[in-house]
């Protein structure tokens, strides 16, 4: 087979990472669509009025929205490599990706209320269980918001769409935010899992 012309080969090489991310994102977000339908199809009217149902619907919806934005961004990169991406769209996309794990952890923490019902649990025990969890989640959200504010400010003042990923990686690698978030996340998740485990035994 004859080799491809150099410009075409360079184009294929340049879009390969974006194409892979596009395919992965499209597959994952597409899988959420039947899950979204099943949430309503398999639930009863009583279940649909519960907060946990709204939280699950919100999480799946956010996953689908992230998938749509992911598709839009990478299709734009592939079809128009020279076109600058919208910085605000990129910031919103990165923000949703970073905040989604915290939102999902909040759903897990909410399930603790089934293990420790308000009606049968003392106020002291509820405070011991939920106050540390709430404080850690507030700390995580504050930490991530500070990072996103710094990242947004840096990118909007000095960056372009093409420099968003390097700017993000530079801040993520050299700032304390990811290390602090990782520590908070480990402690937060351990706290929730330990409370659930102790309540079920």
Protein backbone atom coordinates (compact mmCIF):
# COMPACT_ATOMS: atom_id res chain seq x y z
CA UNK A 1 0.00 0.00 0.00
CA UNK A 2 1.38 3.38 -1.02
CA UNK A 3 2.24 5.73 1.86
CA UNK A 4 -0.15 8.57 2.51
CA UNK A 5 0.85 12.10 1.51
CA UNK A 6 2.75 13.85 4.29
CA UNK A 7 0.08 16.52 4.99
CA UNK A 8 -2.63 13.86 5.27
CA UNK A 9 -0.49 11.71 7.54
CA UNK A 10 0.22 14.71 9.78
CA UNK A 11 -3.50 15.50 9.96
CA UNK A 12 -4.38 11.92 10.90
CA UNK A 13 -1.66 11.90 13.56
CA UNK A 14 -2.84 15.22 15.00
CA UNK A 15 -6.51 14.20 15.28
CA UNK A 16 -5.92 10.67 16.61
CA UNK A 17 -5.95 11.65 20.34
CA UNK A 18 -9.12 13.72 19.84
CA UNK A 19 -10.75 10.91 17.88
CA UNK A 20 -10.06 8.40 20.63
CA UNK A 21 -11.47 10.71 23.31
CA UNK A 22 -14.49 11.41 21.10
CA UNK A 23 -15.23 7.71 20.69
CA UNK A 24 -14.79 6.90 24.38
CA UNK A 25 -16.93 9.87 25.46
CA UNK A 26 -19.64 9.07 22.92
CA UNK A 27 -19.85 5.42 24.00
CA UNK A 28 -20.04 6.24 27.72
CA UNK A 29 -22.60 9.01 27.32
CA UNK A 30 -24.69 6.90 24.92
CA UNK A 31 -24.82 4.15 27.56
CA UNK A 32 -26.40 6.64 29.97
CA UNK A 33 -29.41 7.23 27.71
CA UNK A 34 -30.99 3.78 28.27
CA UNK A 35 -30.12 4.10 31.96
CA UNK A 36 -32.00 7.41 32.07
CA UNK A 37 -35.04 5.77 30.45
CA UNK A 38 -34.89 2.79 32.83
CA UNK A 39 -34.84 5.12 35.83
CA UNK A 40 -38.34 6.24 34.91
CA UNK A 41 -39.59 2.96 33.44
CA UNK A 42 -38.68 0.81 36.45
CA UNK A 43 -39.58 3.31 39.16
CA UNK A 44 -42.96 3.77 40.80
CA UNK A 45 -44.69 7.12 41.40
CA UNK A 46 -43.75 6.82 45.07
CA UNK A 47 -40.08 6.30 44.27
CA UNK A 48 -40.10 9.23 41.85
CA UNK A 49 -41.01 11.57 44.70
CA UNK A 50 -37.97 10.56 46.78
CA UNK A 51 -34.87 12.82 46.87
CA UNK A 52 -32.58 9.92 45.95
CA UNK A 53 -34.48 9.52 42.66
CA UNK A 54 -33.97 13.20 41.81
CA UNK A 55 -30.27 12.89 42.68
CA UNK A 56 -29.88 9.86 40.42
CA UNK A 57 -31.71 11.58 37.56
CA UNK A 58 -29.55 14.68 38.02
CA UNK A 59 -26.33 12.63 37.96
CA UNK A 60 -27.29 10.71 34.81
CA UNK A 61 -28.46 13.91 33.11
CA UNK A 62 -25.17 15.63 33.93
CA UNK A 63 -23.30 12.65 32.47
CA UNK A 64 -25.28 12.96 29.24
CA UNK A 65 -24.67 16.73 29.11
CA UNK A 66 -20.93 16.19 29.63
CA UNK A 67 -21.00 13.63 26.81
CA UNK A 68 -22.73 16.10 24.48
CA UNK A 69 -20.20 18.83 25.25
CA UNK A 70 -17.37 16.31 24.85
CA UNK A 71 -18.71 15.36 21.41
CA UNK A 72 -19.12 19.00 20.38
CA UNK A 73 -15.59 19.92 21.46
CA UNK A 74 -13.79 17.02 19.82
CA UNK A 75 -15.83 17.11 16.61
CA UNK A 76 -14.87 20.79 16.37
CA UNK A 77 -11.20 19.94 16.93
CA UNK A 78 -11.27 17.23 14.25
CA UNK A 79 -13.20 19.16 11.61
CA UNK A 80 -11.61 22.57 12.27
CA UNK A 81 -8.14 22.04 13.76
CA UNK A 82 -7.18 25.67 13.21
CA UNK A 83 -10.30 27.06 14.89
CA UNK A 84 -9.93 28.24 18.49
CA UNK A 85 -12.24 26.52 20.94
CA UNK A 86 -14.59 28.48 23.16
CA UNK A 87 -12.74 29.06 26.43
CA UNK A 88 -15.94 29.38 28.46
CA UNK A 89 -17.25 26.09 27.08
CA UNK A 90 -13.95 24.41 27.94
CA UNK A 91 -14.00 25.82 31.47
CA UNK A 92 -17.59 24.66 31.99
CA UNK A 93 -16.71 21.22 30.61
CA UNK A 94 -13.66 20.81 32.85
CA UNK A 95 -15.60 22.13 35.83
CA UNK A 96 -18.40 19.59 35.37
CA UNK A 97 -15.91 16.74 35.02
CA UNK A 98 -14.11 17.74 38.23
CA UNK A 99 -17.29 18.33 40.24
CA UNK A 100 -19.13 15.17 39.15
CA UNK A 101 -17.24 12.81 41.53
CA UNK A 102 -18.14 15.07 44.46
CA UNK A 103 -21.81 15.07 43.44
CA UNK A 104 -21.79 11.28 43.18
CA UNK A 105 -20.12 11.04 46.60
CA UNK A 106 -22.89 13.23 48.01
CA UNK A 107 -25.44 10.70 46.78
CA UNK A 108 -23.52 7.96 48.59
CA UNK A 109 -23.45 10.07 51.75
CA UNK A 110 -27.20 10.68 51.42
CA UNK A 111 -27.75 6.93 51.48
CA UNK A 112 -26.40 6.97 55.03
CA UNK A 113 -29.78 8.36 56.05
CA UNK A 114 -31.25 4.94 55.22
CA UNK A 115 -28.69 3.28 57.51
CA UNK A 116 -29.10 5.86 60.30
CA UNK A 117 -32.73 7.07 60.13
CA UNK A 118 -33.43 10.41 61.76
CA UNK A 119 -36.35 8.95 63.74
CA UNK A 120 -34.32 6.22 65.47
CA UNK A 121 -30.88 7.84 65.75
CA UNK A 122 -29.87 10.22 68.50
CA UNK A 123 -28.87 13.80 67.68
CA UNK A 124 -25.38 13.19 69.08
CA UNK A 125 -24.78 10.16 66.85
CA UNK A 126 -26.18 12.02 63.82
CA UNK A 127 -23.78 14.90 64.53
CA UNK A 128 -20.82 12.50 64.93
CA UNK A 129 -21.67 10.85 61.61
CA UNK A 130 -22.80 13.69 59.38
CA UNK A 131 -20.91 16.78 60.59
CA UNK A 132 -17.43 15.47 59.58
CA UNK A 133 -18.80 14.24 56.23
CA UNK A 134 -20.44 17.62 55.56
CA UNK A 135 -17.25 19.49 56.52
CA UNK A 136 -15.10 17.34 54.23
CA UNK A 137 -17.48 17.82 51.31
CA UNK A 138 -17.57 21.59 51.88
CA UNK A 139 -13.75 21.59 51.99
CA UNK A 140 -13.54 19.58 48.77
CA UNK A 141 -16.00 21.82 46.94
CA UNK A 142 -14.21 24.95 48.19
CA UNK A 143 -10.85 23.54 47.09
CA UNK A 144 -12.14 22.69 43.60
CA UNK A 145 -13.88 26.06 43.20
CA UNK A 146 -10.64 27.88 44.10
CA UNK A 147 -8.79 25.80 41.52
CA UNK A 148 -11.39 26.49 38.83
CA UNK A 149 -11.35 30.24 39.59
CA UNK A 150 -7.55 30.34 39.27
CA UNK A 151 -7.62 28.18 36.13
CA UNK A 152 -10.39 30.28 34.55
CA UNK A 153 -8.62 33.53 35.37
CA UNK A 154 -5.32 32.28 33.94
CA UNK A 155 -6.92 30.90 30.80
CA UNK A 156 -9.18 33.85 30.03
CA UNK A 157 -6.38 36.38 30.55
CA UNK A 158 -3.46 34.61 28.90
CA UNK A 159 -4.75 31.53 27.12
CA UNK A 160 -6.41 30.41 23.95
CA UNK A 161 -8.53 27.37 23.19
CA UNK A 162 -5.50 25.45 21.98
CA UNK A 163 -3.59 26.19 25.21
CA UNK A 164 -6.38 25.08 27.55
CA UNK A 165 -5.10 21.53 28.05
CA UNK A 166 -1.45 22.57 28.70
CA UNK A 167 -2.63 25.32 31.07
CA UNK A 168 -4.86 22.86 32.90
CA UNK A 169 -2.08 20.26 33.19
CA UNK A 170 0.42 22.89 34.37
CA UNK A 171 -1.88 24.14 37.13
CA UNK A 172 -2.94 20.62 38.08
CA UNK A 173 0.68 19.40 38.31
CA UNK A 174 2.14 22.35 40.19
CA UNK A 175 -0.69 23.58 42.41
CA UNK A 176 -1.70 22.08 45.77
CA UNK A 177 -5.35 21.68 44.73
CA UNK A 178 -5.22 18.09 43.36
CA UNK A 179 -3.17 16.84 46.32
CA UNK A 180 -5.55 18.45 48.81
CA UNK A 181 -8.58 17.13 46.89
CA UNK A 182 -7.11 13.62 46.81
CA UNK A 183 -6.54 13.67 50.60
CA UNK A 184 -10.04 15.04 51.25
CA UNK A 185 -11.58 12.50 48.89
CA UNK A 186 -9.84 9.52 50.51
CA UNK A 187 -10.80 10.59 54.04
CA UNK A 188 -14.33 11.55 52.96
CA UNK A 189 -14.98 8.24 51.19
CA UNK A 190 -13.44 6.19 53.99
CA UNK A 191 -15.66 7.98 56.49
CA UNK A 192 -18.81 7.24 54.48
CA UNK A 193 -17.92 3.60 53.81
CA UNK A 194 -16.99 2.98 57.45
CA UNK A 195 -20.28 4.48 58.63
CA UNK A 196 -22.31 2.40 56.17
CA UNK A 197 -20.41 -0.78 57.08
CA UNK A 198 -20.80 -0.25 60.82
CA UNK A 199 -24.49 0.52 60.41
CA UNK A 200 -25.18 -2.63 58.41
CA UNK A 201 -23.54 -4.97 60.89
